[in-house]
């Protein structure tokens, strides 16, 4: 079973389920906040979400 992350696509204006295999964990900004980055399965736009950790 593959885990899925729910992320908002700005272009589609809807939440999309993105598989963990398509996600990249990264850090952002001066505070080094953790985030997930991936691609929308419908339109291919980059989706982004801040996470704890």
PDB file of N, CA and C in Angstrom:
ATOM      1  N   UNK A   1       0.842  -1.180   0.000  1.00  0.00           N
ATOM      2  CA  UNK A   1       0.000   0.000   0.000  1.00  0.00           C
ATOM      3  C   UNK A   1       0.890   1.248   0.000  1.00  0.00           C
ATOM      4  N   UNK A   2       0.603   2.204  -0.839  1.00  0.00           N
ATOM      5  CA  UNK A   2       1.364   3.436  -0.949  1.00  0.00           C
ATOM      6  C   UNK A   2       0.699   4.523  -0.116  1.00  0.00           C
ATOM      7  N   UNK A   3       1.509   5.249   0.651  1.00  0.00           N
ATOM      8  CA  UNK A   3       0.983   6.373   1.421  1.00  0.00           C
ATOM      9  C   UNK A   3       0.748   7.553   0.489  1.00  0.00           C
ATOM     10  N   UNK A   4      -0.240   8.363   0.845  1.00  0.00           N
ATOM     11  CA  UNK A   4      -0.578   9.513   0.018  1.00  0.00           C
ATOM     12  C   UNK A   4      -0.562  10.770   0.882  1.00  0.00           C
ATOM     13  N   UNK A   5      -0.175  11.889   0.300  1.00  0.00           N
ATOM     14  CA  UNK A   5      -0.211  13.180   0.963  1.00  0.00           C
ATOM     15  C   UNK A   5      -1.250  14.042   0.258  1.00  0.00           C
ATOM     16  N   UNK A   6      -2.055  14.734   1.041  1.00  0.00           N
ATOM     17  CA  UNK A   6      -3.061  15.625   0.485  1.00  0.00           C
ATOM     18  C   UNK A   6      -2.467  17.031   0.401  1.00  0.00           C
ATOM     19  N   UNK A   7      -2.388  17.561  -0.816  1.00  0.00           N
ATOM     20  CA  UNK A   7      -1.816  18.886  -1.029  1.00  0.00           C
ATOM     21  C   UNK A   7      -2.726  19.682  -1.946  1.00  0.00           C
ATOM     22  N   UNK A   8      -2.700  21.012  -1.801  1.00  0.00           N
ATOM     23  CA  UNK A   8      -3.564  21.901  -2.570  1.00  0.00           C
ATOM     24  C   UNK A   8      -2.862  22.355  -3.839  1.00  0.00           C
ATOM     25  N   UNK A   9      -3.524  22.186  -4.976  1.00  0.00           N
ATOM     26  CA  UNK A   9      -3.011  22.673  -6.257  1.00  0.00           C
ATOM     27  C   UNK A   9      -3.678  24.018  -6.555  1.00  0.00           C
ATOM     28  N   UNK A  10      -2.874  25.049  -6.712  1.00  0.00           N
ATOM     29  CA  UNK A  10      -3.402  26.400  -6.957  1.00  0.00           C
ATOM     30  C   UNK A  10      -4.037  26.497  -8.339  1.00  0.00           C
ATOM     31  N   UNK A  11      -3.470  25.817  -9.313  1.00  0.00           N
ATOM     32  CA  UNK A  11      -3.995  25.883 -10.680  1.00  0.00           C
ATOM     33  C   UNK A  11      -5.351  25.175 -10.792  1.00  0.00           C
ATOM     34  N   UNK A  12      -5.461  23.973 -10.193  1.00  0.00           N
ATOM     35  CA  UNK A  12      -6.722  23.217 -10.231  1.00  0.00           C
ATOM     36  C   UNK A  12      -7.727  23.722  -9.190  1.00  0.00           C
ATOM     37  N   UNK A  13      -7.234  24.467  -8.199  1.00  0.00           N
ATOM     38  CA  UNK A  13      -8.050  24.983  -7.095  1.00  0.00           C
ATOM     39  C   UNK A  13      -8.763  23.865  -6.338  1.00  0.00           C
ATOM     40  N   UNK A  14      -7.996  22.801  -6.050  1.00  0.00           N
ATOM     41  CA  UNK A  14      -8.553  21.660  -5.325  1.00  0.00           C
ATOM     42  C   UNK A  14      -7.432  20.897  -4.629  1.00  0.00           C
ATOM     43  N   UNK A  15      -7.794  20.147  -3.582  1.00  0.00           N
ATOM     44  CA  UNK A  15      -6.836  19.273  -2.927  1.00  0.00           C
ATOM     45  C   UNK A  15      -6.630  18.035  -3.777  1.00  0.00           C
ATOM     46  N   UNK A  16      -5.387  17.613  -3.880  1.00  0.00           N
ATOM     47  CA  UNK A  16      -5.027  16.442  -4.671  1.00  0.00           C
ATOM     48  C   UNK A  16      -4.261  15.466  -3.796  1.00  0.00           C
ATOM     49  N   UNK A  17      -4.442  14.179  -4.060  1.00  0.00           N
ATOM     50  CA  UNK A  17      -3.693  13.140  -3.370  1.00  0.00           C
ATOM     51  C   UNK A  17      -2.438  12.838  -4.195  1.00  0.00           C
ATOM     52  N   UNK A  18      -1.285  12.963  -3.561  1.00  0.00           N
ATOM     53  CA  UNK A  18      -0.018  12.751  -4.240  1.00  0.00           C
ATOM     54  C   UNK A  18       0.732  11.636  -3.526  1.00  0.00           C
ATOM     55  N   UNK A  19       1.209  10.648  -4.270  1.00  0.00           N
ATOM     56  CA  UNK A  19       1.888   9.508  -3.662  1.00  0.00           C
ATOM     57  C   UNK A  19       3.246   9.929  -3.103  1.00  0.00           C
ATOM     58  N   UNK A  20       3.670   9.251  -2.039  1.00  0.00           N
ATOM     59  CA  UNK A  20       4.937   9.578  -1.393  1.00  0.00           C
ATOM     60  C   UNK A  20       6.128   9.421  -2.325  1.00  0.00           C
ATOM     61  N   UNK A  21       6.031   8.542  -3.292  1.00  0.00           N
ATOM     62  CA  UNK A  21       7.145   8.345  -4.218  1.00  0.00           C
ATOM     63  C   UNK A  21       7.367   9.564  -5.120  1.00  0.00           C
ATOM     64  N   UNK A  22       6.351  10.424  -5.260  1.00  0.00           N
ATOM     65  CA  UNK A  22       6.455  11.625  -6.093  1.00  0.00           C
ATOM     66  C   UNK A  22       6.807  12.879  -5.296  1.00  0.00           C
ATOM     67  N   UNK A  23       7.009  12.745  -3.973  1.00  0.00           N
ATOM     68  CA  UNK A  23       7.282  13.889  -3.113  1.00  0.00           C
ATOM     69  C   UNK A  23       8.763  14.009  -2.792  1.00  0.00           C
ATOM     70  N   UNK A  24       9.201  15.252  -2.563  1.00  0.00           N
ATOM     71  CA  UNK A  24      10.568  15.538  -2.159  1.00  0.00           C
ATOM     72  C   UNK A  24      10.512  16.358  -0.881  1.00  0.00           C
ATOM     73  N   UNK A  25      11.288  15.960   0.127  1.00  0.00           N
ATOM     74  CA  UNK A  25      11.357  16.740   1.360  1.00  0.00           C
ATOM     75  C   UNK A  25      12.473  17.759   1.208  1.00  0.00           C
ATOM     76  N   UNK A  26      12.200  19.008   1.604  1.00  0.00           N
ATOM     77  CA  UNK A  26      13.160  20.085   1.434  1.00  0.00           C
ATOM     78  C   UNK A  26      13.067  21.039   2.617  1.00  0.00           C
ATOM     79  N   UNK A  27      14.013  21.959   2.736  1.00  0.00           N
ATOM     80  CA  UNK A  27      13.943  23.022   3.737  1.00  0.00           C
ATOM     81  C   UNK A  27      13.865  24.349   3.008  1.00  0.00           C
ATOM     82  N   UNK A  28      13.156  25.303   3.622  1.00  0.00           N
ATOM     83  CA  UNK A  28      12.872  26.572   2.952  1.00  0.00           C
ATOM     84  C   UNK A  28      13.163  27.745   3.876  1.00  0.00           C
ATOM     85  N   UNK A  29      13.734  28.791   3.333  1.00  0.00           N
ATOM     86  CA  UNK A  29      13.890  30.064   4.014  1.00  0.00           C
ATOM     87  C   UNK A  29      14.994  30.109   5.053  1.00  0.00           C
ATOM     88  N   UNK A  30      15.113  31.275   5.701  1.00  0.00           N
ATOM     89  CA  UNK A  30      16.140  31.492   6.716  1.00  0.00           C
ATOM     90  C   UNK A  30      15.925  30.604   7.938  1.00  0.00           C
ATOM     91  N   UNK A  31      14.676  30.305   8.235  1.00  0.00           N
ATOM     92  CA  UNK A  31      14.353  29.493   9.402  1.00  0.00           C
ATOM     93  C   UNK A  31      14.470  27.996   9.118  1.00  0.00           C
ATOM     94  N   UNK A  32      14.804  27.631   7.896  1.00  0.00           N
ATOM     95  CA  UNK A  32      14.932  26.230   7.484  1.00  0.00           C
ATOM     96  C   UNK A  32      13.695  25.410   7.833  1.00  0.00           C
ATOM     97  N   UNK A  33      12.526  25.903   7.436  1.00  0.00           N
ATOM     98  CA  UNK A  33      11.278  25.174   7.667  1.00  0.00           C
ATOM     99  C   UNK A  33      11.201  23.970   6.740  1.00  0.00           C
ATOM    100  N   UNK A  34      10.728  22.854   7.283  1.00  0.00           N
ATOM    101  CA  UNK A  34      10.581  21.642   6.483  1.00  0.00           C
ATOM    102  C   UNK A  34       9.351  21.758   5.593  1.00  0.00           C
ATOM    103  N   UNK A  35       9.461  21.215   4.386  1.00  0.00           N
ATOM    104  CA  UNK A  35       8.354  21.283   3.434  1.00  0.00           C
ATOM    105  C   UNK A  35       8.384  20.077   2.516  1.00  0.00           C
ATOM    106  N   UNK A  36       7.241  19.798   1.909  1.00  0.00           N
ATOM    107  CA  UNK A  36       7.131  18.766   0.884  1.00  0.00           C
ATOM    108  C   UNK A  36       6.849  19.435  -0.448  1.00  0.00           C
ATOM    109  N   UNK A  37       7.432  18.904  -1.502  1.00  0.00           N
ATOM    110  CA  UNK A  37       7.249  19.462  -2.835  1.00  0.00           C
ATOM    111  C   UNK A  37       6.990  18.307  -3.794  1.00  0.00           C
ATOM    112  N   UNK A  38       6.037  18.493  -4.695  1.00  0.00           N
ATOM    113  CA  UNK A  38       5.720  17.458  -5.664  1.00  0.00           C
ATOM    114  C   UNK A  38       5.021  18.048  -6.874  1.00  0.00           C
ATOM    115  N   UNK A  39       4.420  17.191  -7.682  1.00  0.00           N
ATOM    116  CA  UNK A  39       3.703  17.633  -8.878  1.00  0.00           C
ATOM    117  C   UNK A  39       2.258  17.162  -8.821  1.00  0.00           C
ATOM    118  N   UNK A  40       1.354  18.015  -9.279  1.00  0.00           N
ATOM    119  CA  UNK A  40      -0.067  17.684  -9.357  1.00  0.00           C
ATOM    120  C   UNK A  40      -0.241  16.573 -10.395  1.00  0.00           C
ATOM    121  N   UNK A  41      -0.973  15.510 -10.050  1.00  0.00           N
ATOM    122  CA  UNK A  41      -1.153  14.416 -11.013  1.00  0.00           C
ATOM    123  C   UNK A  41      -2.015  14.789 -12.218  1.00  0.00           C
ATOM    124  N   UNK A  42      -2.831  15.846 -12.097  1.00  0.00           N
ATOM    125  CA  UNK A  42      -3.718  16.230 -13.201  1.00  0.00           C
ATOM    126  C   UNK A  42      -3.089  17.235 -14.163  1.00  0.00           C
ATOM    127  N   UNK A  43      -2.492  18.318 -13.608  1.00  0.00           N
ATOM    128  CA  UNK A  43      -1.995  19.382 -14.490  1.00  0.00           C
ATOM    129  C   UNK A  43      -0.470  19.496 -14.526  1.00  0.00           C
ATOM    130  N   UNK A  44       0.233  18.841 -13.599  1.00  0.00           N
ATOM    131  CA  UNK A  44       1.688  18.878 -13.603  1.00  0.00           C
ATOM    132  C   UNK A  44       2.301  20.070 -12.906  1.00  0.00           C
ATOM    133  N   UNK A  45       1.495  20.944 -12.317  1.00  0.00           N
ATOM    134  CA  UNK A  45       1.983  22.109 -11.604  1.00  0.00           C
ATOM    135  C   UNK A  45       2.665  21.672 -10.302  1.00  0.00           C
ATOM    136  N   UNK A  46       3.699  22.386  -9.883  1.00  0.00           N
ATOM    137  CA  UNK A  46       4.366  22.086  -8.625  1.00  0.00           C
ATOM    138  C   UNK A  46       3.445  22.441  -7.465  1.00  0.00           C
ATOM    139  N   UNK A  47       3.300  21.499  -6.525  1.00  0.00           N
ATOM    140  CA  UNK A  47       2.520  21.725  -5.300  1.00  0.00           C
ATOM    141  C   UNK A  47       3.489  21.727  -4.126  1.00  0.00           C
ATOM    142  N   UNK A  48       3.140  22.458  -3.060  1.00  0.00           N
ATOM    143  CA  UNK A  48       4.056  22.709  -1.963  1.00  0.00           C
ATOM    144  C   UNK A  48       3.276  22.732  -0.665  1.00  0.00           C
ATOM    145  N   UNK A  49       3.861  22.179   0.407  1.00  0.00           N
ATOM    146  CA  UNK A  49       3.185  22.170   1.691  1.00  0.00           C
ATOM    147  C   UNK A  49       4.225  22.178   2.814  1.00  0.00           C
ATOM    148  N   UNK A  50       4.075  23.112   3.788  1.00  0.00           N
ATOM    149  CA  UNK A  50       4.940  23.123   4.959  1.00  0.00           C
ATOM    150  C   UNK A  50       4.530  21.989   5.881  1.00  0.00           C
ATOM    151  N   UNK A  51       5.517  21.359   6.538  1.00  0.00           N
ATOM    152  CA  UNK A  51       5.260  20.270   7.476  1.00  0.00           C
ATOM    153  C   UNK A  51       6.046  20.491   8.765  1.00  0.00           C
ATOM    154  N   UNK A  52       5.656  19.797   9.814  1.00  0.00           N
ATOM    155  CA  UNK A  52       6.421  19.828  11.052  1.00  0.00           C
ATOM    156  C   UNK A  52       7.580  18.856  10.921  1.00  0.00           C
ATOM    157  N   UNK A  53       8.683  19.228  11.517  1.00  0.00           N
ATOM    158  CA  UNK A  53       9.786  18.270  11.541  1.00  0.00           C
ATOM    159  C   UNK A  53      10.947  18.756  10.864  1.00  0.00           C
TER     160      UNK A  53
END
